[in-house]
Each structure stands twice: as C-alpha cells, then as structure tokens.
Amino acid sequence: MVELYQPLAEDVGVQLSAPPGRGGMTEADPKLLFEAISNLVDNAIKFTGKGGMVEVRLGDDPASPQIIVQDNGPGIPAGERSAALQRFYRGERDRLIPGSGLGLSIVAAIVRFHRFELLLQDASPGLRVVIDCKPLVLIY
C-alpha cells in the first residue's frame, strides 16, 4: 500500500511510511481489505497536507491483529467522528477539499462486513484509525 501511494504522498509533500512490524493472521477478503486501507491512506494524505506525516503499521499483538493508519493532520473532532462514517458526510472545515464524503463510509461498511471493529482515535495531533481485525463475537 505504501509503495502504491508513495508517489502521491511525495507530490503533495507528505511523508508516508510503514515501519517494520510483526505480522498477524486474520480471515478476510483481501480485495475488500485493500480497498479499506487504500481509502484510509488516501484520506490521510489528502487531509494531512504539505509537511505532514502518515504512517501505516500493524498493531503489536499478533493474537489481536490490527491495521493502523495514523497521521499528524487536523484530525476529526470527537463530536464528528460518528457522523464522519456516514455516506456523503463532509465536515465544515473540509468542504473546500475535493471529495465525495464516501471514503470513511466505505471503510466502515467493509469493517462491518468482516465483523471487525473500526476505531477513530485522537493522535494528538492528527487521527489514528484502527481496524481491529479480531472478529466481534455476536451473542444471541
């Protein structure tokens, strides 16, 4: 993913990295998961801006696989994070940045499909998006 987005990141002055980490295993549709991560990386590059940093990494616990995309941009205010996962949502401050407001809603749909968990967290500064790949257990 980082190799794919490196030229775009360089063009807009964003440092994109993927530090080496331990791998983990999870059962998932690789094309859908690629789509989700692609949307996250694209958003992070777009909203971080020139001089920013975006990091794509795996969580530290192989027993609980996580995919983490973190940037040091403006982030998403805590009160808007739930709304940001809805289709066509555009925050007031982001209305001038090109886009349709579908990226995070697509990520959320893919995560729900796999019964994973999606977390939007404050990275102080920036946003940390975590896809927790340990399937949620549904109890009936």
C-alpha atoms as a PDB file:
ATOM      1  CA  MET A   1       0.000   0.000   0.000  1.00  0.00           C
ATOM      2  CA  VAL A   2       2.788   2.412   0.911  1.00  0.00           C
ATOM      3  CA  GLU A   3       4.596   1.750  -2.381  1.00  0.00           C
ATOM      4  CA  LEU A   4       1.384   2.430  -4.286  1.00  0.00           C
ATOM      5  CA  TYR A   5       0.709   5.755  -2.535  1.00  0.00           C
ATOM      6  CA  GLN A   6       4.325   6.943  -2.170  1.00  0.00           C
ATOM      7  CA  PRO A   7       4.335   8.993  -5.420  1.00  0.00           C
ATOM      8  CA  LEU A   8       1.083  10.774  -4.463  1.00  0.00           C
ATOM      9  CA  ALA A   9       2.403  11.497  -0.979  1.00  0.00           C
ATOM     10  CA  GLU A  10       5.650  12.908  -2.381  1.00  0.00           C
ATOM     11  CA  ASP A  11       3.753  15.073  -4.883  1.00  0.00           C
ATOM     12  CA  VAL A  12       1.830  16.795  -2.078  1.00  0.00           C
ATOM     13  CA  GLY A  13       4.745  16.945   0.386  1.00  0.00           C
ATOM     14  CA  VAL A  14       3.580  14.255   2.813  1.00  0.00           C
ATOM     15  CA  GLN A  15       5.959  11.735   4.350  1.00  0.00           C
ATOM     16  CA  LEU A  16       4.406   8.244   4.055  1.00  0.00           C
ATOM     17  CA  SER A  17       5.983   5.367   5.964  1.00  0.00           C
ATOM     18  CA  ALA A  18       5.387   1.809   7.070  1.00  0.00           C
ATOM     19  CA  PRO A  19       7.746   0.791   9.865  1.00  0.00           C
ATOM     20  CA  PRO A  20       8.580  -2.905  10.036  1.00  0.00           C
ATOM     21  CA  GLY A  21       6.400  -4.804  12.450  1.00  0.00           C
ATOM     22  CA  ARG A  22       5.248  -8.220  13.424  1.00  0.00           C
ATOM     23  CA  GLY A  23       2.632  -9.757  11.209  1.00  0.00           C
ATOM     24  CA  GLY A  24      -0.635 -11.293  12.227  1.00  0.00           C
ATOM     25  CA  MET A  25      -3.209 -13.534  10.631  1.00  0.00           C
ATOM     26  CA  THR A  26      -6.885 -12.888  10.132  1.00  0.00           C
ATOM     27  CA  GLU A  27      -9.580 -14.207   7.874  1.00  0.00           C
ATOM     28  CA  ALA A  28     -10.705 -11.504   5.461  1.00  0.00           C
ATOM     29  CA  ASP A  29     -11.424 -10.752   1.827  1.00  0.00           C
ATOM     30  CA  PRO A  30      -8.056  -9.346   0.660  1.00  0.00           C
ATOM     31  CA  LYS A  31      -9.566  -7.149  -2.076  1.00  0.00           C
ATOM     32  CA  LEU A  32     -12.051  -5.545   0.319  1.00  0.00           C
ATOM     33  CA  LEU A  33      -9.412  -5.052   2.998  1.00  0.00           C
ATOM     34  CA  PHE A  34      -7.127  -3.483   0.382  1.00  0.00           C
ATOM     35  CA  GLU A  35      -9.977  -1.126  -0.563  1.00  0.00           C
ATOM     36  CA  ALA A  36     -10.489  -0.120   3.068  1.00  0.00           C
ATOM     37  CA  ILE A  37      -6.808   0.561   3.727  1.00  0.00           C
ATOM     38  CA  SER A  38      -6.488   2.370   0.403  1.00  0.00           C
ATOM     39  CA  ASN A  39      -9.315   4.732   1.397  1.00  0.00           C
ATOM     40  CA  LEU A  40      -7.699   5.387   4.777  1.00  0.00           C
ATOM     41  CA  VAL A  41      -4.268   6.124   3.295  1.00  0.00           C
ATOM     42  CA  ASP A  42      -5.755   8.323   0.567  1.00  0.00           C
ATOM     43  CA  ASN A  43      -7.751  10.310   3.150  1.00  0.00           C
ATOM     44  CA  ALA A  44      -4.755  10.659   5.449  1.00  0.00           C
ATOM     45  CA  ILE A  45      -2.587  12.024   2.639  1.00  0.00           C
ATOM     46  CA  LYS A  46      -5.327  14.380   1.417  1.00  0.00           C
ATOM     47  CA  PHE A  47      -6.243  15.842   4.806  1.00  0.00           C
ATOM     48  CA  THR A  48      -2.792  15.909   6.424  1.00  0.00           C
ATOM     49  CA  GLY A  49      -1.361  18.397   3.973  1.00  0.00           C
ATOM     50  CA  LYS A  50       2.104  19.526   2.986  1.00  0.00           C
ATOM     51  CA  GLY A  51       4.770  18.760   5.572  1.00  0.00           C
ATOM     52  CA  GLY A  52       2.598  16.147   7.255  1.00  0.00           C
ATOM     53  CA  MET A  53       3.324  12.531   8.099  1.00  0.00           C
ATOM     54  CA  VAL A  54       1.238   9.405   7.530  1.00  0.00           C
ATOM     55  CA  GLU A  55       2.167   6.035   8.980  1.00  0.00           C
ATOM     56  CA  VAL A  56       0.679   2.643   8.092  1.00  0.00           C
ATOM     57  CA  ARG A  57       1.501  -0.139  10.522  1.00  0.00           C
ATOM     58  CA  LEU A  58       0.303  -3.297  12.188  1.00  0.00           C
ATOM     59  CA  GLY A  59      -0.588  -3.481  15.852  1.00  0.00           C
ATOM     60  CA  ASP A  60       1.897  -5.020  18.277  1.00  0.00           C
ATOM     61  CA  ASP A  61      -0.181  -8.018  19.415  1.00  0.00           C
ATOM     62  CA  PRO A  62      -0.216 -10.893  16.872  1.00  0.00           C
ATOM     63  CA  ALA A  63      -3.093 -12.511  18.813  1.00  0.00           C
ATOM     64  CA  SER A  64      -5.259  -9.442  18.115  1.00  0.00           C
ATOM     65  CA  PRO A  65      -4.342  -8.230  14.603  1.00  0.00           C
ATOM     66  CA  GLN A  66      -4.791  -4.523  13.962  1.00  0.00           C
ATOM     67  CA  ILE A  67      -4.174  -2.309  10.963  1.00  0.00           C
ATOM     68  CA  ILE A  68      -3.374   1.277  11.936  1.00  0.00           C
ATOM     69  CA  VAL A  69      -3.270   4.349   9.717  1.00  0.00           C
ATOM     70  CA  GLN A  70      -2.152   7.436  11.612  1.00  0.00           C
ATOM     71  CA  ASP A  71      -1.451  10.981  10.520  1.00  0.00           C
ATOM     72  CA  ASN A  72      -0.484  14.260  12.150  1.00  0.00           C
ATOM     73  CA  GLY A  73      -3.031  16.409  10.333  1.00  0.00           C
ATOM     74  CA  PRO A  74      -6.000  18.236  11.823  1.00  0.00           C
ATOM     75  CA  GLY A  75      -7.846  15.016  12.684  1.00  0.00           C
ATOM     76  CA  ILE A  76     -11.599  14.723  13.120  1.00  0.00           C
ATOM     77  CA  PRO A  77     -13.150  16.403  16.149  1.00  0.00           C
ATOM     78  CA  ALA A  78     -14.508  13.848  18.648  1.00  0.00           C
ATOM     79  CA  GLY A  79     -18.064  15.112  18.167  1.00  0.00           C
ATOM     80  CA  GLU A  80     -17.901  14.497  14.395  1.00  0.00           C
ATOM     81  CA  ARG A  81     -16.328  11.025  14.324  1.00  0.00           C
ATOM     82  CA  SER A  82     -19.577   9.088  14.263  1.00  0.00           C
ATOM     83  CA  ALA A  83     -21.021  11.360  11.555  1.00  0.00           C
ATOM     84  CA  ALA A  84     -17.802  11.056   9.518  1.00  0.00           C
ATOM     85  CA  LEU A  85     -18.609   7.357   8.996  1.00  0.00           C
ATOM     86  CA  GLN A  86     -21.904   8.197   7.254  1.00  0.00           C
ATOM     87  CA  ARG A  87     -22.155   8.422   3.469  1.00  0.00           C
ATOM     88  CA  PHE A  88     -21.559  11.853   1.953  1.00  0.00           C
ATOM     89  CA  TYR A  89     -20.565  13.447   5.263  1.00  0.00           C
ATOM     90  CA  ARG A  90     -18.250  16.423   4.853  1.00  0.00           C
ATOM     91  CA  GLY A  91     -17.046  18.335   7.887  1.00  0.00           C
ATOM     92  CA  GLU A  92     -17.489  22.094   7.715  1.00  0.00           C
ATOM     93  CA  ARG A  93     -13.744  22.717   7.642  1.00  0.00           C
ATOM     94  CA  ASP A  94     -13.265  20.146   4.812  1.00  0.00           C
ATOM     95  CA  ARG A  95     -15.886  21.394   2.368  1.00  0.00           C
ATOM     96  CA  LEU A  96     -13.283  23.057   0.124  1.00  0.00           C
ATOM     97  CA  ILE A  97     -11.153  19.896  -0.186  1.00  0.00           C
ATOM     98  CA  PRO A  98     -12.161  17.762  -3.205  1.00  0.00           C
ATOM     99  CA  GLY A  99     -14.012  14.551  -2.411  1.00  0.00           C
ATOM    100  CA  SER A 100     -17.439  12.992  -2.140  1.00  0.00           C
ATOM    101  CA  GLY A 101     -17.578  12.069   1.540  1.00  0.00           C
ATOM    102  CA  LEU A 102     -17.732   8.341   0.781  1.00  0.00           C
ATOM    103  CA  GLY A 103     -14.255   7.147   1.851  1.00  0.00           C
ATOM    104  CA  LEU A 104     -14.841   6.505   5.554  1.00  0.00           C
ATOM    105  CA  SER A 105     -18.341   5.134   4.955  1.00  0.00           C
ATOM    106  CA  ILE A 106     -16.858   2.549   2.573  1.00  0.00           C
ATOM    107  CA  VAL A 107     -14.235   1.649   5.174  1.00  0.00           C
ATOM    108  CA  ALA A 108     -16.963   1.310   7.817  1.00  0.00           C
ATOM    109  CA  ALA A 109     -19.037  -0.954   5.549  1.00  0.00           C
ATOM    110  CA  ILE A 110     -16.059  -3.223   4.820  1.00  0.00           C
ATOM    111  CA  VAL A 111     -15.191  -3.422   8.515  1.00  0.00           C
ATOM    112  CA  ARG A 112     -18.830  -4.264   9.398  1.00  0.00           C
ATOM    113  CA  PHE A 113     -18.921  -6.917   6.652  1.00  0.00           C
ATOM    114  CA  HIS A 114     -15.966  -8.676   8.290  1.00  0.00           C
ATOM    115  CA  ARG A 115     -17.375  -8.137  11.809  1.00  0.00           C
ATOM    116  CA  PHE A 116     -14.205  -6.267  12.722  1.00  0.00           C
ATOM    117  CA  GLU A 117     -14.140  -3.084  14.761  1.00  0.00           C
ATOM    118  CA  LEU A 118     -13.286   0.396  13.459  1.00  0.00           C
ATOM    119  CA  LEU A 119     -11.878   2.948  15.892  1.00  0.00           C
ATOM    120  CA  LEU A 120     -11.266   6.629  15.172  1.00  0.00           C
ATOM    121  CA  GLN A 121      -8.913   7.998  17.805  1.00  0.00           C
ATOM    122  CA  ASP A 122      -7.184  11.273  18.588  1.00  0.00           C
ATOM    123  CA  ALA A 123      -3.483  11.071  17.698  1.00  0.00           C
ATOM    124  CA  SER A 124      -2.676  14.494  19.230  1.00  0.00           C
ATOM    125  CA  PRO A 125      -2.185  15.889  16.641  1.00  0.00           C
ATOM    126  CA  GLY A 126      -3.973  14.026  13.918  1.00  0.00           C
ATOM    127  CA  LEU A 127      -6.136  10.980  13.572  1.00  0.00           C
ATOM    128  CA  ARG A 128      -5.414   7.332  14.315  1.00  0.00           C
ATOM    129  CA  VAL A 129      -7.711   4.895  12.541  1.00  0.00           C
ATOM    130  CA  VAL A 130      -7.573   1.330  13.832  1.00  0.00           C
ATOM    131  CA  ILE A 131      -9.122  -1.656  12.126  1.00  0.00           C
ATOM    132  CA  ASP A 132      -9.263  -4.283  14.847  1.00  0.00           C
ATOM    133  CA  CYS A 133      -9.267  -7.494  12.827  1.00  0.00           C
ATOM    134  CA  LYS A 134     -10.295  -9.771  15.660  1.00  0.00           C
ATOM    135  CA  PRO A 135     -13.904 -10.574  14.693  1.00  0.00           C
ATOM    136  CA  LEU A 136     -16.529  -9.410  17.112  1.00  0.00           C
ATOM    137  CA  VAL A 137     -18.362 -12.295  18.759  1.00  0.00           C
ATOM    138  CA  LEU A 138     -22.110 -11.961  18.482  1.00  0.00           C
ATOM    139  CA  ILE A 139     -24.092 -13.496  21.323  1.00  0.00           C
ATOM    140  CA  TYR A 140     -27.760 -14.220  20.802  1.00  0.00           C
END
